[in-house]
Amino acid sequence: MTDSASAAGSAGDPNVCYRHSDRRSFVLCQRCGRTVCGECQTPAPVGVRCPECMAEAAAAMPRQKSPLLRAVRRGSSTPVVTYTILGLTLGVFILQFATQGTVTRALGYAPPLSLIEPWRMLTVSLVHSSGIFHILFNMYALFVLGPLLEQLVGRWRFAVTYILSTLAGSIAVLWLAPASFVVGASGAIFGLFGAFFVIQRRLGGNTAQLMVILGINLALGFFLPNISWQAHVGGLIGGAIVALIFVRTRRRQQTPLQIALLGAFAALLVAGTILRFALAG
């Protein structure tokens, strides 16, 4: 620690450490030329440096952000929302096994509970059936399609597409299969397919292969047991409508209109839920 005695000692004897007046040394800081003892020396590319010069050099160095911060910053190409959804869904899938179905019963969608526990209409996309193929197909589709769509529309728009597609799929189940219990992200995944189809058509891309994939998967929902084709159809339509709003309000000055239209569509979905119970009651 530097004090008046140390300063006086170093001033009177150039062979004394500038920080420790009782320690003789003949080693100089390569940067400032002050005498430093063994304790105060830090090896440098050339010679050694004193603590003050090391601190100044460290302060002058550009601070590098962590990989996580670099990934989430604006302008990064990392599909943060896609990877976050993947991580959450896989984590919940592990909890489903760990809790022996408690999480499944708590987060799956039961249409009669829509007004009492409305979060189920969204959390349904986080839980899957016990078979590995259900979550494997959905997460593989998200892993392949998610980064493409997220890069096209941006993070918050991608998140909105996923959420509203999930909600649209749940409302389709509410109207068309009100006595069922549904789990899975299929409604959201089909919503991403619908959104990607609309955007590709708008950009003039070839959608023939996408139409074949959509047709096959929709058909499977009608012929294979324990598959909610209602959620597939609802999510597909919901995602397509959201994407249509995006492509019709692409200009920066249309952002307020875009947000208003998305809010109106979300309100329409909520109204559809309330109307279903009003008609049933």
Protein backbone atom coordinates (compact mmCIF):
# COMPACT_ATOMS: atom_id res chain seq x y z
CA MET A 1 0.00 0.00 0.00
CA THR A 2 1.48 3.41 -0.95
CA ASP A 3 2.10 5.90 1.89
CA SER A 4 4.19 9.02 2.47
CA ALA A 5 7.14 6.99 3.79
CA SER A 6 7.13 4.80 0.70
CA ALA A 7 6.99 7.84 -1.56
CA ALA A 8 9.84 9.50 0.31
CA GLY A 9 11.92 6.36 0.23
CA SER A 10 11.46 5.82 -3.48
CA ALA A 11 12.23 9.44 -4.18
CA GLY A 12 15.47 9.30 -2.23
CA ASP A 13 16.70 5.95 -3.51
CA PRO A 14 15.88 4.85 -7.06
CA ASN A 15 16.70 1.23 -6.14
CA VAL A 16 13.82 0.96 -3.68
CA CYS A 17 10.34 -0.27 -4.63
CA TYR A 18 8.08 2.73 -5.08
CA ARG A 19 5.38 0.99 -3.03
CA HIS A 20 7.56 -0.63 -0.36
CA SER A 21 10.34 1.62 0.94
CA ASP A 22 11.96 -1.22 2.87
CA ARG A 23 12.50 -3.41 -0.20
CA ARG A 24 15.40 -2.88 -2.54
CA SER A 25 15.07 -3.80 -6.20
CA PHE A 26 16.76 -3.14 -9.50
CA VAL A 27 13.78 -4.07 -11.68
CA LEU A 28 11.89 -1.28 -13.42
CA CYS A 29 8.33 -1.21 -14.73
CA GLN A 30 8.58 -1.51 -18.50
CA ARG A 31 5.79 1.06 -18.94
CA CYS A 32 6.43 3.85 -16.43
CA GLY A 33 10.02 3.18 -15.33
CA ARG A 34 9.31 2.95 -11.58
CA THR A 35 11.24 0.49 -9.41
CA VAL A 36 9.17 -2.55 -8.37
CA CYS A 37 9.89 -5.37 -5.97
CA GLY A 38 9.06 -9.00 -6.63
CA GLU A 39 5.61 -8.71 -5.04
CA CYS A 40 4.64 -5.74 -7.23
CA GLN A 41 5.85 -7.21 -10.51
CA THR A 42 3.47 -8.60 -13.13
CA PRO A 43 5.02 -10.26 -16.19
CA ALA A 44 4.28 -8.41 -19.43
CA PRO A 45 4.99 -9.28 -23.08
CA VAL A 46 8.21 -7.32 -22.59
CA GLY A 47 9.61 -7.09 -19.05
CA VAL A 48 7.30 -6.49 -16.09
CA ARG A 49 4.72 -3.90 -15.08
CA CYS A 50 3.75 -2.25 -11.83
CA PRO A 51 0.23 -2.59 -10.31
CA GLU A 52 -0.85 0.91 -11.42
CA CYS A 53 0.16 0.31 -15.04
CA MET A 54 -1.58 -3.07 -15.02
CA ALA A 55 -4.78 -1.41 -13.73
CA GLU A 56 -4.59 1.33 -16.36
CA ALA A 57 -4.03 -1.23 -19.14
CA ALA A 58 -6.97 -3.33 -17.94
CA ALA A 59 -9.24 -0.26 -17.85
CA ALA A 60 -8.23 0.73 -21.38
CA MET A 61 -8.97 -2.69 -22.85
CA PRO A 62 -12.33 -2.99 -24.64
CA ARG A 63 -14.79 -4.98 -22.59
CA GLN A 64 -16.04 -8.08 -24.37
CA LYS A 65 -19.59 -9.15 -23.77
CA SER A 66 -20.35 -12.69 -22.75
CA PRO A 67 -21.58 -15.09 -25.47
CA LEU A 68 -25.06 -14.92 -23.93
CA LEU A 69 -25.20 -11.12 -24.12
CA ARG A 70 -23.87 -11.18 -27.67
CA ALA A 71 -26.58 -13.68 -28.62
CA VAL A 72 -29.50 -11.66 -27.26
CA ARG A 73 -28.39 -8.21 -28.43
CA ARG A 74 -30.37 -6.51 -31.19
CA GLY A 75 -29.10 -7.46 -34.62
CA SER A 76 -27.81 -10.88 -33.57
CA SER A 77 -28.75 -13.74 -35.87
CA THR A 78 -29.12 -16.20 -32.98
CA PRO A 79 -32.73 -17.49 -32.83
CA VAL A 80 -33.11 -16.73 -29.12
CA VAL A 81 -36.89 -17.20 -28.96
CA THR A 82 -36.75 -20.54 -30.78
CA TYR A 83 -34.04 -21.88 -28.48
CA THR A 84 -35.86 -20.57 -25.40
CA ILE A 85 -39.06 -22.36 -26.39
CA LEU A 86 -37.09 -25.54 -27.09
CA GLY A 87 -35.41 -25.37 -23.70
CA LEU A 88 -38.65 -24.68 -21.82
CA THR A 89 -40.53 -27.45 -23.57
CA LEU A 90 -37.80 -30.04 -23.00
CA GLY A 91 -37.53 -28.96 -19.36
CA VAL A 92 -41.27 -29.36 -18.85
CA PHE A 93 -41.14 -32.76 -20.56
CA ILE A 94 -38.60 -33.91 -17.98
CA LEU A 95 -40.83 -32.56 -15.19
CA GLN A 96 -43.76 -34.54 -16.60
CA PHE A 97 -41.88 -37.76 -15.92
CA ALA A 98 -40.48 -36.58 -12.60
CA THR A 99 -43.94 -35.68 -11.28
CA GLN A 100 -45.64 -38.78 -12.74
CA GLY A 101 -48.20 -36.79 -14.69
CA THR A 102 -48.93 -33.99 -12.23
CA VAL A 103 -47.43 -31.36 -14.52
CA THR A 104 -49.30 -32.83 -17.49
CA ARG A 105 -52.63 -32.57 -15.70
CA ALA A 106 -51.84 -29.04 -14.53
CA LEU A 107 -50.77 -27.62 -17.90
CA GLY A 108 -52.70 -29.66 -20.48
CA TYR A 109 -55.77 -28.15 -22.09
CA ALA A 110 -59.21 -29.22 -20.89
CA PRO A 111 -61.84 -27.11 -22.75
CA PRO A 112 -64.35 -27.04 -19.86
CA LEU A 113 -61.72 -25.27 -17.74
CA SER A 114 -61.06 -22.49 -20.27
CA LEU A 115 -62.73 -19.75 -18.23
CA ILE A 116 -61.59 -21.03 -14.84
CA GLU A 117 -57.97 -21.77 -15.81
CA PRO A 118 -57.42 -19.88 -19.07
CA TRP A 119 -53.62 -20.30 -18.98
CA ARG A 120 -54.11 -23.89 -20.08
CA MET A 121 -54.94 -22.60 -23.56
CA LEU A 122 -51.28 -21.54 -23.86
CA THR A 123 -49.42 -23.93 -21.55
CA VAL A 124 -50.78 -26.82 -23.61
CA SER A 125 -47.84 -26.22 -25.98
CA LEU A 126 -45.35 -27.02 -23.20
CA VAL A 127 -46.59 -30.51 -22.33
CA HIS A 128 -46.60 -33.64 -24.50
CA SER A 129 -47.75 -37.22 -24.35
CA SER A 130 -45.50 -39.78 -22.70
CA GLY A 131 -44.36 -41.20 -26.03
CA ILE A 132 -41.05 -39.79 -27.25
CA PHE A 133 -42.19 -39.39 -30.86
CA HIS A 134 -44.75 -36.70 -30.04
CA ILE A 135 -42.27 -34.23 -28.59
CA LEU A 136 -39.55 -35.38 -30.97
CA PHE A 137 -41.58 -34.44 -34.05
CA ASN A 138 -42.73 -31.10 -32.66
CA MET A 139 -39.32 -30.01 -31.40
CA TYR A 140 -37.58 -31.13 -34.58
CA ALA A 141 -40.05 -29.08 -36.63
CA LEU A 142 -39.46 -26.10 -34.32
CA PHE A 143 -35.69 -26.54 -34.56
CA VAL A 144 -35.80 -26.58 -38.37
CA LEU A 145 -38.50 -24.01 -39.08
CA GLY A 146 -38.17 -21.73 -36.06
CA PRO A 147 -34.79 -20.11 -36.89
CA LEU A 148 -35.89 -19.46 -40.49
CA LEU A 149 -39.11 -17.74 -39.48
CA GLU A 150 -37.56 -15.88 -36.54
CA GLN A 151 -34.93 -14.43 -38.85
CA LEU A 152 -37.63 -13.38 -41.34
CA VAL A 153 -39.99 -11.62 -38.93
CA GLY A 154 -37.86 -10.84 -35.89
CA ARG A 155 -37.97 -12.09 -32.32
CA TRP A 156 -41.05 -10.45 -30.89
CA ARG A 157 -43.11 -11.15 -33.99
CA PHE A 158 -42.02 -14.78 -33.93
CA ALA A 159 -43.04 -15.03 -30.27
CA VAL A 160 -46.42 -13.47 -31.05
CA THR A 161 -46.92 -15.93 -33.92
CA TYR A 162 -46.17 -18.90 -31.67
CA ILE A 163 -48.45 -17.68 -28.86
CA LEU A 164 -51.42 -16.72 -31.02
CA SER A 165 -51.14 -19.93 -33.02
CA THR A 166 -51.27 -21.90 -29.78
CA LEU A 167 -54.32 -19.93 -28.66
CA ALA A 168 -56.05 -20.41 -32.02
CA GLY A 169 -55.42 -24.16 -31.85
CA SER A 170 -56.92 -24.33 -28.36
CA ILE A 171 -60.01 -22.41 -29.43
CA ALA A 172 -60.50 -24.79 -32.35
CA VAL A 173 -60.42 -27.68 -29.86
CA LEU A 174 -62.90 -25.81 -27.66
CA TRP A 175 -65.39 -25.49 -30.52
CA LEU A 176 -64.86 -28.80 -32.28
CA ALA A 177 -63.83 -31.24 -29.51
CA PRO A 178 -65.01 -29.70 -26.21
CA ALA A 179 -64.87 -32.97 -24.27
CA SER A 180 -61.23 -33.78 -25.07
CA PHE A 181 -58.01 -33.29 -23.12
CA VAL A 182 -55.18 -32.04 -25.32
CA VAL A 183 -51.41 -31.80 -24.92
CA GLY A 184 -48.69 -30.78 -27.33
CA ALA A 185 -47.23 -27.91 -29.33
CA SER A 186 -48.73 -29.12 -32.61
CA GLY A 187 -51.10 -26.16 -32.88
CA ALA A 188 -48.19 -23.74 -32.54
CA ILE A 189 -46.04 -25.74 -34.96
CA PHE A 190 -48.78 -25.75 -37.59
CA GLY A 191 -49.14 -22.02 -36.97
CA LEU A 192 -45.47 -21.57 -37.85
CA PHE A 193 -46.03 -23.58 -41.02
CA GLY A 194 -49.01 -21.42 -41.91
CA ALA A 195 -47.07 -18.22 -41.27
CA PHE A 196 -44.09 -19.42 -43.27
CA PHE A 197 -46.37 -20.39 -46.17
CA VAL A 198 -47.96 -16.92 -46.29
CA ILE A 199 -44.62 -15.12 -46.09
CA GLN A 200 -43.04 -17.36 -48.73
CA ARG A 201 -45.91 -16.71 -51.10
CA ARG A 202 -45.61 -12.98 -50.45
CA LEU A 203 -41.87 -13.08 -51.20
CA GLY A 204 -42.42 -15.11 -54.36
CA GLY A 205 -40.77 -18.26 -53.02
CA ASN A 206 -41.57 -21.82 -54.05
CA THR A 207 -44.15 -23.26 -51.66
CA ALA A 208 -44.85 -26.56 -53.42
CA GLN A 209 -42.78 -28.69 -51.02
CA LEU A 210 -44.24 -26.90 -48.01
CA MET A 211 -47.76 -27.59 -49.25
CA VAL A 212 -46.96 -31.29 -49.61
CA ILE A 213 -45.60 -31.45 -46.06
CA LEU A 214 -48.61 -29.59 -44.70
CA GLY A 215 -51.03 -31.80 -46.60
CA ILE A 216 -49.45 -35.02 -45.35
CA ASN A 217 -49.36 -33.88 -41.72
CA LEU A 218 -52.90 -32.57 -41.80
CA ALA A 219 -54.11 -35.86 -43.28
CA LEU A 220 -52.34 -37.86 -40.59
CA GLY A 221 -54.29 -35.96 -37.96
CA PHE A 222 -57.57 -37.17 -39.46
CA PHE A 223 -56.63 -40.83 -39.78
CA LEU A 224 -54.35 -41.60 -36.83
CA PRO A 225 -55.85 -41.97 -33.35
CA ASN A 226 -55.05 -39.67 -30.40
CA ILE A 227 -54.10 -36.75 -32.65
CA SER A 228 -55.97 -33.46 -32.31
CA TRP A 229 -56.57 -32.42 -35.88
CA GLN A 230 -58.66 -29.58 -34.49
CA ALA A 231 -55.57 -27.98 -32.91
CA HIS A 232 -53.66 -28.49 -36.16
CA VAL A 233 -56.27 -26.72 -38.25
CA GLY A 234 -56.82 -23.93 -35.72
CA GLY A 235 -53.10 -23.28 -35.32
CA LEU A 236 -52.55 -23.32 -39.08
CA ILE A 237 -55.26 -20.73 -39.66
CA GLY A 238 -54.12 -18.62 -36.72
CA GLY A 239 -50.50 -18.54 -37.88
CA ALA A 240 -51.54 -17.68 -41.43
CA ILE A 241 -53.67 -14.75 -40.22
CA VAL A 242 -50.82 -13.39 -38.08
CA ALA A 243 -48.42 -13.62 -41.02
CA LEU A 244 -50.96 -11.91 -43.26
CA ILE A 245 -51.02 -9.00 -40.82
CA PHE A 246 -47.21 -8.89 -40.93
CA VAL A 247 -46.95 -8.79 -44.71
CA ARG A 248 -49.72 -6.19 -45.04
CA THR A 249 -48.05 -3.85 -42.53
CA ARG A 250 -44.38 -4.26 -43.37
CA ARG A 251 -43.35 -0.61 -43.47
CA ARG A 252 -41.86 0.95 -40.36
CA GLN A 253 -44.53 3.65 -40.17
CA GLN A 254 -47.19 0.91 -40.12
CA THR A 255 -45.90 -0.64 -36.88
CA PRO A 256 -48.67 0.93 -34.71
CA LEU A 257 -51.27 -0.41 -37.14
CA GLN A 258 -49.61 -3.84 -37.05
CA ILE A 259 -49.71 -3.94 -33.26
CA ALA A 260 -53.35 -2.80 -33.26
CA LEU A 261 -54.33 -5.54 -35.73
CA LEU A 262 -52.51 -8.20 -33.71
CA GLY A 263 -54.30 -6.97 -30.59
CA ALA A 264 -57.62 -7.09 -32.42
CA PHE A 265 -56.98 -10.67 -33.54
CA ALA A 266 -56.06 -11.70 -29.99
CA ALA A 267 -59.25 -10.03 -28.73
CA LEU A 268 -61.24 -11.89 -31.38
CA LEU A 269 -59.82 -15.19 -30.14
CA VAL A 270 -60.75 -14.34 -26.57
CA ALA A 271 -64.23 -13.34 -27.71
CA GLY A 272 -64.55 -16.68 -29.50
CA THR A 273 -63.82 -18.44 -26.23
CA ILE A 274 -66.43 -16.47 -24.33
CA LEU A 275 -69.00 -16.92 -27.09
CA ARG A 276 -68.56 -20.70 -27.02
CA PHE A 277 -69.49 -20.84 -23.34
CA ALA A 278 -72.31 -18.35 -23.80
CA LEU A 279 -73.87 -20.54 -26.48
CA ALA A 280 -73.37 -23.69 -24.42
CA GLY A 281 -74.95 -22.12 -21.35
